[in-house]
Amino acid sequence: MECSEFERELKSLIYYIREYGIQHADIKLNDIETNSEIQHQFVSSVHKGFSLAQQSVISCLTKILLEQKLVKANIKKSNVEKSKNEKAILNERLQQLKYQEHVLRRIVDSIAWQILQYDLTSIRRLYHGHALIDITDSNIDSCIRASKNIANENPLHFALINDISSFK
């Protein structure tokens, strides 16, 4: 993913996580604590923003991981051809893609921290010490369907797709 495209995507992701719920709920923030119906509307709106961010991260992460695979294959090819200049350029591109992947996974981590109310004991349960999952080789579509079904059944619930976080 090109840098300018990635920066635009980051801005929209931050908007979905931080501001979407506030701007799409017709409420005053002072009323949230007193009226349960307003609380439900606000939480539903926040979860909708989280869901949009999660879907966008999946889309971007898929592009980045596929490009990483292509760059790694080209690095192997340049090793065989002993092309040092091309290998250096490809290694730089690979590092850029790994950085983008890291940032996107951290965006999902920020959603997890908010949902789990910054409770370190709950976050520790997500971590298993395994390598990050390559979602291009996994069955992410079933996770997406399950997440959408949960949101449709009850907008007050949010299904975090843990495969795209860095809690592995």
Protein backbone atom coordinates (compact mmCIF):
# COMPACT_ATOMS: atom_id res chain seq x y z
CA MET A 1 0.00 0.00 0.00
CA GLU A 2 1.43 3.37 -1.00
CA CYS A 3 2.29 5.83 1.79
CA SER A 4 -0.28 8.47 0.84
CA GLU A 5 -3.05 5.87 0.55
CA PHE A 6 -2.00 4.37 3.87
CA GLU A 7 -2.06 7.78 5.58
CA ARG A 8 -5.58 8.47 4.28
CA GLU A 9 -6.71 5.08 5.50
CA LEU A 10 -5.18 5.72 8.93
CA LYS A 11 -7.07 9.00 9.25
CA SER A 12 -10.36 7.28 8.49
CA LEU A 13 -9.58 4.45 10.93
CA ILE A 14 -8.84 6.91 13.71
CA TYR A 15 -12.08 8.71 12.91
CA TYR A 16 -14.07 5.45 13.11
CA ILE A 17 -12.56 4.58 16.47
CA ARG A 18 -12.55 7.96 18.17
CA GLU A 19 -15.31 10.09 16.69
CA TYR A 20 -17.82 8.00 14.77
CA GLY A 21 -19.88 7.09 17.84
CA ILE A 22 -20.14 10.66 19.04
CA GLN A 23 -20.99 12.16 15.67
CA HIS A 24 -23.55 9.54 14.66
CA ALA A 25 -25.54 9.47 17.87
CA ASP A 26 -28.08 12.27 18.23
CA ILE A 27 -27.35 12.85 21.88
CA LYS A 28 -25.69 15.22 24.27
CA LEU A 29 -22.81 13.70 26.18
CA ASN A 30 -24.23 14.96 29.48
CA ASP A 31 -27.37 12.84 28.94
CA ILE A 32 -25.49 9.56 28.51
CA GLU A 33 -25.13 8.83 32.22
CA THR A 34 -28.79 9.47 33.10
CA ASN A 35 -30.81 7.84 30.33
CA SER A 36 -30.35 4.14 29.51
CA GLU A 37 -31.96 4.48 26.07
CA ILE A 38 -29.45 7.18 25.18
CA GLN A 39 -26.67 4.96 26.52
CA HIS A 40 -27.81 2.13 24.25
CA GLN A 41 -27.93 4.45 21.24
CA PHE A 42 -24.45 5.75 21.99
CA VAL A 43 -22.93 2.30 22.54
CA SER A 44 -24.55 1.00 19.35
CA SER A 45 -23.08 3.92 17.44
CA VAL A 46 -19.62 3.37 18.92
CA HIS A 47 -19.75 -0.33 18.05
CA LYS A 48 -20.77 0.55 14.49
CA GLY A 49 -17.63 2.72 14.24
CA PHE A 50 -15.51 -0.11 15.65
CA SER A 51 -17.04 -2.49 13.12
CA LEU A 52 -16.31 -0.15 10.21
CA ALA A 53 -12.72 0.23 11.42
CA GLN A 54 -12.33 -3.53 11.78
CA GLN A 55 -13.64 -4.15 8.25
CA SER A 56 -11.31 -1.51 6.85
CA VAL A 57 -8.32 -2.99 8.70
CA ILE A 58 -9.11 -6.43 7.29
CA SER A 59 -9.21 -5.02 3.77
CA CYS A 60 -5.95 -3.08 4.14
CA LEU A 61 -4.19 -5.87 6.00
CA THR A 62 -5.08 -8.34 3.25
CA LYS A 63 -3.56 -6.03 0.61
CA ILE A 64 -0.41 -5.50 2.68
CA LEU A 65 0.11 -9.19 3.45
CA LEU A 66 -0.33 -10.16 -0.20
CA GLU A 67 2.15 -7.48 -1.22
CA GLN A 68 4.58 -8.74 1.44
CA LYS A 69 4.43 -12.22 -0.07
CA LEU A 70 5.14 -10.79 -3.51
CA VAL A 71 8.08 -8.73 -2.24
CA LYS A 72 9.53 -11.74 -0.39
CA ALA A 73 9.32 -13.81 -3.58
CA ASN A 74 11.06 -11.02 -5.49
CA ILE A 75 13.78 -10.85 -2.83
CA LYS A 76 14.45 -14.57 -3.31
CA LYS A 77 14.56 -14.00 -7.04
CA SER A 78 17.03 -11.13 -6.68
CA ASN A 79 19.20 -13.31 -4.42
CA VAL A 80 19.41 -15.90 -7.16
CA GLU A 81 20.24 -13.21 -9.72
CA LYS A 82 22.69 -11.60 -7.24
CA SER A 83 21.20 -8.17 -7.78
CA LYS A 84 22.22 -6.20 -4.68
CA ASN A 85 20.58 -2.92 -5.68
CA GLU A 86 17.21 -4.52 -6.37
CA LYS A 87 17.47 -6.55 -3.17
CA ALA A 88 18.14 -3.40 -1.13
CA ILE A 89 15.11 -1.66 -2.63
CA LEU A 90 12.92 -4.69 -2.01
CA ASN A 91 14.14 -5.04 1.59
CA GLU A 92 13.29 -1.40 2.20
CA ARG A 93 9.82 -1.94 0.75
CA LEU A 94 9.37 -5.05 2.90
CA GLN A 95 10.26 -3.08 6.03
CA GLN A 96 7.74 -0.40 5.04
CA LEU A 97 5.03 -3.05 4.58
CA LYS A 98 5.85 -4.66 7.93
CA TYR A 99 5.54 -1.25 9.58
CA GLN A 100 2.13 -0.72 7.95
CA GLU A 101 1.02 -4.16 9.12
CA HIS A 102 2.18 -3.37 12.65
CA VAL A 103 0.27 -0.07 12.71
CA LEU A 104 -2.95 -1.68 11.45
CA ARG A 105 -2.75 -4.44 14.04
CA ARG A 106 -2.21 -1.82 16.74
CA ILE A 107 -5.35 -0.02 15.58
CA VAL A 108 -7.29 -3.20 16.31
CA ASP A 109 -5.47 -3.47 19.64
CA SER A 110 -6.79 -0.03 20.55
CA ILE A 111 -10.34 -1.29 19.98
CA ALA A 112 -9.61 -4.31 22.19
CA TRP A 113 -8.24 -2.10 24.97
CA GLN A 114 -11.39 0.03 24.90
CA ILE A 115 -13.79 -2.91 24.84
CA LEU A 116 -11.96 -4.66 27.65
CA GLN A 117 -11.89 -1.36 29.58
CA TYR A 118 -8.09 -1.24 29.77
CA ASP A 119 -8.07 -4.35 31.96
CA LEU A 120 -4.62 -5.91 31.66
CA THR A 121 -5.79 -9.24 33.11
CA SER A 122 -8.29 -9.62 30.25
CA ILE A 123 -5.77 -8.55 27.61
CA ARG A 124 -3.30 -11.15 28.88
CA ARG A 125 -5.85 -13.84 28.09
CA LEU A 126 -5.75 -12.84 24.44
CA TYR A 127 -1.98 -13.28 24.22
CA HIS A 128 -0.75 -16.81 23.57
CA GLY A 129 2.81 -16.11 22.45
CA HIS A 130 2.27 -17.37 18.92
CA ALA A 131 3.30 -15.71 15.68
CA LEU A 132 0.85 -13.30 14.07
CA ILE A 133 -1.74 -14.92 11.85
CA ASP A 134 -1.52 -14.37 8.12
CA ILE A 135 -5.17 -13.69 7.34
CA THR A 136 -4.66 -14.38 3.65
CA ASP A 137 -4.10 -18.05 4.55
CA SER A 138 -6.86 -18.28 7.16
CA ASN A 139 -10.62 -18.54 7.04
CA ILE A 140 -11.23 -14.89 7.89
CA ASP A 141 -14.51 -14.82 5.97
CA SER A 142 -16.23 -16.96 8.60
CA CYS A 143 -14.98 -14.61 11.33
CA ILE A 144 -16.35 -11.62 9.42
CA ARG A 145 -19.73 -13.32 8.97
CA ALA A 146 -19.90 -14.22 12.66
CA SER A 147 -18.98 -10.67 13.64
CA LYS A 148 -21.70 -9.22 11.41
CA ASN A 149 -24.28 -11.69 12.73
CA ILE A 150 -23.49 -10.75 16.33
CA ALA A 151 -23.80 -7.04 15.50
CA ASN A 152 -27.10 -7.59 13.68
CA GLU A 153 -28.57 -9.61 16.55
CA ASN A 154 -27.67 -7.07 19.20
CA PRO A 155 -26.00 -3.73 18.40
CA LEU A 156 -24.83 -3.50 22.01
CA HIS A 157 -22.47 -6.42 21.40
CA PHE A 158 -19.26 -6.22 19.42
CA ALA A 159 -17.26 -9.18 18.14
CA LEU A 160 -13.57 -8.42 17.96
CA ILE A 161 -11.75 -10.48 15.34
CA ASN A 162 -8.67 -11.37 17.33
CA ASP A 163 -6.82 -12.73 14.29
CA ILE A 164 -6.10 -9.20 13.08
CA SER A 165 -4.81 -7.91 16.41
CA SER A 166 -1.26 -8.24 17.64
CA PHE A 167 -2.45 -10.16 20.69
CA LYS A 168 -1.23 -13.55 19.53
